[in-house]
C-alpha atoms as a PDB file:
ATOM      1  CA  LYS A   1     -12.145   3.396 -21.766  1.00  0.00           C
ATOM      2  CA  LYS A   2     -14.255   5.489 -19.391  1.00  0.00           C
ATOM      3  CA  ARG A   3     -12.342   4.184 -16.363  1.00  0.00           C
ATOM      4  CA  LYS A   4      -9.008   4.902 -18.010  1.00  0.00           C
ATOM      5  CA  ALA A   5     -10.097   8.433 -18.912  1.00  0.00           C
ATOM      6  CA  PHE A   6     -11.248   8.995 -15.320  1.00  0.00           C
ATOM      7  CA  LEU A   7      -7.981   7.760 -13.890  1.00  0.00           C
ATOM      8  CA  ASN A   8      -5.829   9.779 -16.262  1.00  0.00           C
ATOM      9  CA  SER A   9      -7.191  13.262 -15.760  1.00  0.00           C
ATOM     10  CA  ARG A  10      -9.573  15.185 -13.536  1.00  0.00           C
ATOM     11  CA  PRO A  11      -9.927  18.922 -13.215  1.00  0.00           C
ATOM     12  CA  PRO A  12      -8.462  20.442 -10.070  1.00  0.00           C
ATOM     13  CA  ILE A  13     -10.832  21.282  -7.229  1.00  0.00           C
ATOM     14  CA  LYS A  14     -11.903  24.899  -7.153  1.00  0.00           C
ATOM     15  CA  LEU A  15     -12.969  26.325  -3.805  1.00  0.00           C
ATOM     16  CA  LYS A  16     -15.066  29.466  -3.862  1.00  0.00           C
ATOM     17  CA  ARG A  17     -14.228  32.131  -1.307  1.00  0.00           C
ATOM     18  CA  LYS A  18     -16.450  34.701   0.327  1.00  0.00           C
ATOM     19  CA  LYS A  19     -15.877  38.164  -1.093  1.00  0.00           C
ATOM     20  CA  THR A  20     -15.950  39.844   2.331  1.00  0.00           C
ATOM     21  CA  SER A  21     -13.522  37.468   4.005  1.00  0.00           C
ATOM     22  CA  SER A  22      -9.862  38.394   4.170  1.00  0.00           C
ATOM     23  CA  SER A  23      -8.699  35.057   5.600  1.00  0.00           C
ATOM     24  CA  PRO A  24      -6.555  32.867   3.354  1.00  0.00           C
ATOM     25  CA  THR A  25      -8.557  29.702   4.126  1.00  0.00           C
ATOM     26  CA  PRO A  26     -11.238  28.491   1.698  1.00  0.00           C
ATOM     27  CA  SER A  27     -14.764  29.123   2.881  1.00  0.00           C
ATOM     28  CA  ALA A  28     -18.301  28.291   1.941  1.00  0.00           C
ATOM     29  CA  GLU A  29     -20.377  30.364  -0.404  1.00  0.00           C
ATOM     30  CA  VAL A  30     -23.481  31.804   1.232  1.00  0.00           C
ATOM     31  CA  LYS A  31     -26.605  30.899  -0.693  1.00  0.00           C
ATOM     32  CA  GLY A  32     -29.715  33.015  -0.708  1.00  0.00           C
ATOM     33  CA  GLU A  33     -28.176  36.441  -0.160  1.00  0.00           C
ATOM     34  CA  GLU A  34     -29.328  37.895  -3.469  1.00  0.00           C
ATOM     35  CA  SER A  35     -32.954  36.840  -3.188  1.00  0.00           C
ATOM     36  CA  GLY A  36     -33.471  38.173   0.333  1.00  0.00           C
ATOM     37  CA  THR A  37     -34.152  34.746   1.842  1.00  0.00           C
ATOM     38  CA  SER A  38     -32.370  33.566   4.931  1.00  0.00           C
ATOM     39  CA  PRO A  39     -28.812  32.597   4.017  1.00  0.00           C
ATOM     40  CA  LYS A  40     -27.897  28.919   4.094  1.00  0.00           C
ATOM     41  CA  ARG A  41     -24.250  27.945   4.125  1.00  0.00           C
ATOM     42  CA  THR A  42     -23.574  25.497   1.332  1.00  0.00           C
ATOM     43  CA  PRO A  43     -19.967  24.789   0.411  1.00  0.00           C
ATOM     44  CA  ALA A  44     -19.461  25.207  -3.303  1.00  0.00           C
ATOM     45  CA  VAL A  45     -16.935  22.542  -4.191  1.00  0.00           C
ATOM     46  CA  LYS A  46     -16.434  21.631  -7.805  1.00  0.00           C
ATOM     47  CA  GLY A  47     -14.434  18.580  -8.729  1.00  0.00           C
ATOM     48  CA  LEU A  48     -15.145  16.401  -5.702  1.00  0.00           C
ATOM     49  CA  THR A  49     -16.784  13.070  -6.443  1.00  0.00           C
ATOM     50  CA  ILE A  50     -17.060  11.859  -2.854  1.00  0.00           C
ATOM     51  CA  PRO A  51     -19.627  13.838  -0.842  1.00  0.00           C
ATOM     52  CA  PHE A  52     -17.647  15.773   1.754  1.00  0.00           C
ATOM     53  CA  ARG A  53     -20.503  15.432   4.247  1.00  0.00           C
ATOM     54  CA  ALA A  54     -19.931  11.667   4.269  1.00  0.00           C
ATOM     55  CA  ILE A  55     -16.288  12.245   5.170  1.00  0.00           C
ATOM     56  CA  LYS A  56     -17.377  14.779   7.775  1.00  0.00           C
ATOM     57  CA  ARG A  57     -19.703  12.189   9.369  1.00  0.00           C
ATOM     58  CA  THR A  58     -16.891   9.646   9.287  1.00  0.00           C
ATOM     59  CA  MET A  59     -14.554  12.080  11.038  1.00  0.00           C
ATOM     60  CA  LYS A  60     -17.171  12.690  13.732  1.00  0.00           C
ATOM     61  CA  ILE A  61     -17.378   8.967  14.554  1.00  0.00           C
ATOM     62  CA  ASP A  62     -14.478   9.594  16.945  1.00  0.00           C
ATOM     63  CA  LYS A  63     -16.077  10.619  20.240  1.00  0.00           C
ATOM     64  CA  ASP A  64     -13.231  13.056  20.940  1.00  0.00           C
ATOM     65  CA  ILE A  65     -14.161  15.133  17.881  1.00  0.00           C
ATOM     66  CA  ALA A  66     -17.157  17.329  18.642  1.00  0.00           C
ATOM     67  CA  THR A  67     -17.318  19.442  15.489  1.00  0.00           C
ATOM     68  CA  VAL A  68     -15.648  19.480  12.091  1.00  0.00           C
ATOM     69  CA  GLN A  69     -15.560  22.616   9.969  1.00  0.00           C
ATOM     70  CA  ASN A  70     -16.787  22.252   6.408  1.00  0.00           C
ATOM     71  CA  GLU A  71     -13.466  23.482   5.069  1.00  0.00           C
ATOM     72  CA  ALA A  72     -11.600  20.796   7.044  1.00  0.00           C
ATOM     73  CA  ALA A  73     -13.956  18.131   5.717  1.00  0.00           C
ATOM     74  CA  ILE A  74     -13.466  19.397   2.154  1.00  0.00           C
ATOM     75  CA  VAL A  75      -9.679  19.186   2.460  1.00  0.00           C
ATOM     76  CA  ALA A  76      -9.934  15.702   4.000  1.00  0.00           C
ATOM     77  CA  THR A  77     -12.272  14.634   1.186  1.00  0.00           C
ATOM     78  CA  TYR A  78      -9.808  15.866  -1.415  1.00  0.00           C
ATOM     79  CA  ALA A  79      -7.035  13.899   0.323  1.00  0.00           C
ATOM     80  CA  VAL A  80      -9.215  10.767   0.302  1.00  0.00           C
ATOM     81  CA  GLU A  81      -9.881  11.200  -3.411  1.00  0.00           C
ATOM     82  CA  LEU A  82      -6.178  11.599  -4.162  1.00  0.00           C
ATOM     83  CA  PHE A  83      -5.392   8.488  -2.115  1.00  0.00           C
ATOM     84  CA  VAL A  84      -8.055   6.370  -3.809  1.00  0.00           C
ATOM     85  CA  LYS A  85      -6.994   7.635  -7.235  1.00  0.00           C
ATOM     86  CA  LYS A  86      -3.352   6.713  -6.614  1.00  0.00           C
ATOM     87  CA  LEU A  87      -4.274   3.282  -5.248  1.00  0.00           C
ATOM     88  CA  ALA A  88      -6.634   2.615  -8.162  1.00  0.00           C
ATOM     89  CA  LYS A  89      -4.103   3.756 -10.798  1.00  0.00           C
ATOM     90  CA  GLU A  90      -1.358   1.545  -9.424  1.00  0.00           C
ATOM     91  CA  SER A  91      -3.695  -1.432  -9.030  1.00  0.00           C
ATOM     92  CA  TYR A  92      -5.051  -0.914 -12.539  1.00  0.00           C
ATOM     93  CA  ARG A  93      -1.507  -0.877 -13.896  1.00  0.00           C
ATOM     94  CA  ARG A  94      -0.877  -4.240 -12.230  1.00  0.00           C
ATOM     95  CA  ALA A  95      -4.135  -5.656 -13.605  1.00  0.00           C
ATOM     96  CA  LYS A  96      -3.168  -4.489 -17.120  1.00  0.00           C
ATOM     97  CA  LYS A  97       0.168  -6.305 -16.797  1.00  0.00           C
ATOM     98  CA  ARG A  98      -1.853  -9.476 -16.266  1.00  0.00           C
ATOM     99  CA  GLY A  99      -4.030  -8.745 -19.309  1.00  0.00           C
ATOM    100  CA  ARG A 100      -7.146  -7.641 -17.400  1.00  0.00           C
ATOM    101  CA  ASN A 101      -9.164  -4.447 -17.266  1.00  0.00           C
ATOM    102  CA  THR A 102     -10.699  -5.314 -13.911  1.00  0.00           C
ATOM    103  CA  ILE A 103      -8.959  -4.522 -10.644  1.00  0.00           C
ATOM    104  CA  ARG A 104      -9.048  -7.507  -8.314  1.00  0.00           C
ATOM    105  CA  TYR A 105      -8.268  -7.902  -4.656  1.00  0.00           C
ATOM    106  CA  GLU A 106      -4.857  -9.398  -5.451  1.00  0.00           C
ATOM    107  CA  ASP A 107      -3.947  -6.288  -7.478  1.00  0.00           C
ATOM    108  CA  LEU A 108      -4.699  -4.085  -4.469  1.00  0.00           C
ATOM    109  CA  ALA A 109      -2.798  -6.454  -2.164  1.00  0.00           C
ATOM    110  CA  GLU A 110       0.237  -6.473  -4.456  1.00  0.00           C
ATOM    111  CA  THR A 111       0.160  -2.690  -4.663  1.00  0.00           C
ATOM    112  CA  ARG A 112       0.107  -2.516  -0.867  1.00  0.00           C
ATOM    113  CA  VAL A 113       3.005  -4.972  -0.532  1.00  0.00           C
ATOM    114  CA  ASN A 114       5.175  -3.077  -3.025  1.00  0.00           C
ATOM    115  CA  ASN A 115       4.545   0.368  -1.526  1.00  0.00           C
ATOM    116  CA  ASP A 116       5.891   1.029   1.976  1.00  0.00           C
ATOM    117  CA  ASN A 117       3.623   4.066   2.377  1.00  0.00           C
ATOM    118  CA  LEU A 118       0.602   1.745   2.311  1.00  0.00           C
ATOM    119  CA  SER A 119       1.770  -0.457   5.181  1.00  0.00           C
ATOM    120  CA  PHE A 120      -1.115   0.826   7.341  1.00  0.00           C
ATOM    121  CA  LEU A 121      -3.415  -1.261   5.130  1.00  0.00           C
ATOM    122  CA  ASP A 122      -1.756  -4.551   6.077  1.00  0.00           C
ATOM    123  CA  THR A 123      -4.747  -5.690   8.190  1.00  0.00           C
ATOM    124  CA  LEU A 124      -7.091  -5.143   5.230  1.00  0.00           C
ATOM    125  CA  LEU A 125      -4.781  -6.271   2.441  1.00  0.00           C
ATOM    126  CA  PRO A 126      -2.432  -8.947   3.838  1.00  0.00           C
END
């Protein structure tokens, strides 16, 4: 039941913006300004379950990418979460049709076969 509840609904991601910034892009909240300590930039992202720093490190594996802004990593992380959620929902639906609550490899593979948008996964899920 927990898995089903997770797959059905999650709150939208809320990005906090700096009060002094006039740019329309989401930015990181500066921590430590009120207490007089040196400010440390820590992105305040509610609703993400995958740590965006892990996605940022993954993006930087490519030698052509020198730096990745936190905001770019946050957006990429959100996209990854949406992708995984969609793949899991569809695979879970197929598992339920077979009378199971557990997603198996064949459920993922069938989902990939029946969805043309997932053709890039054909080396992983033949």
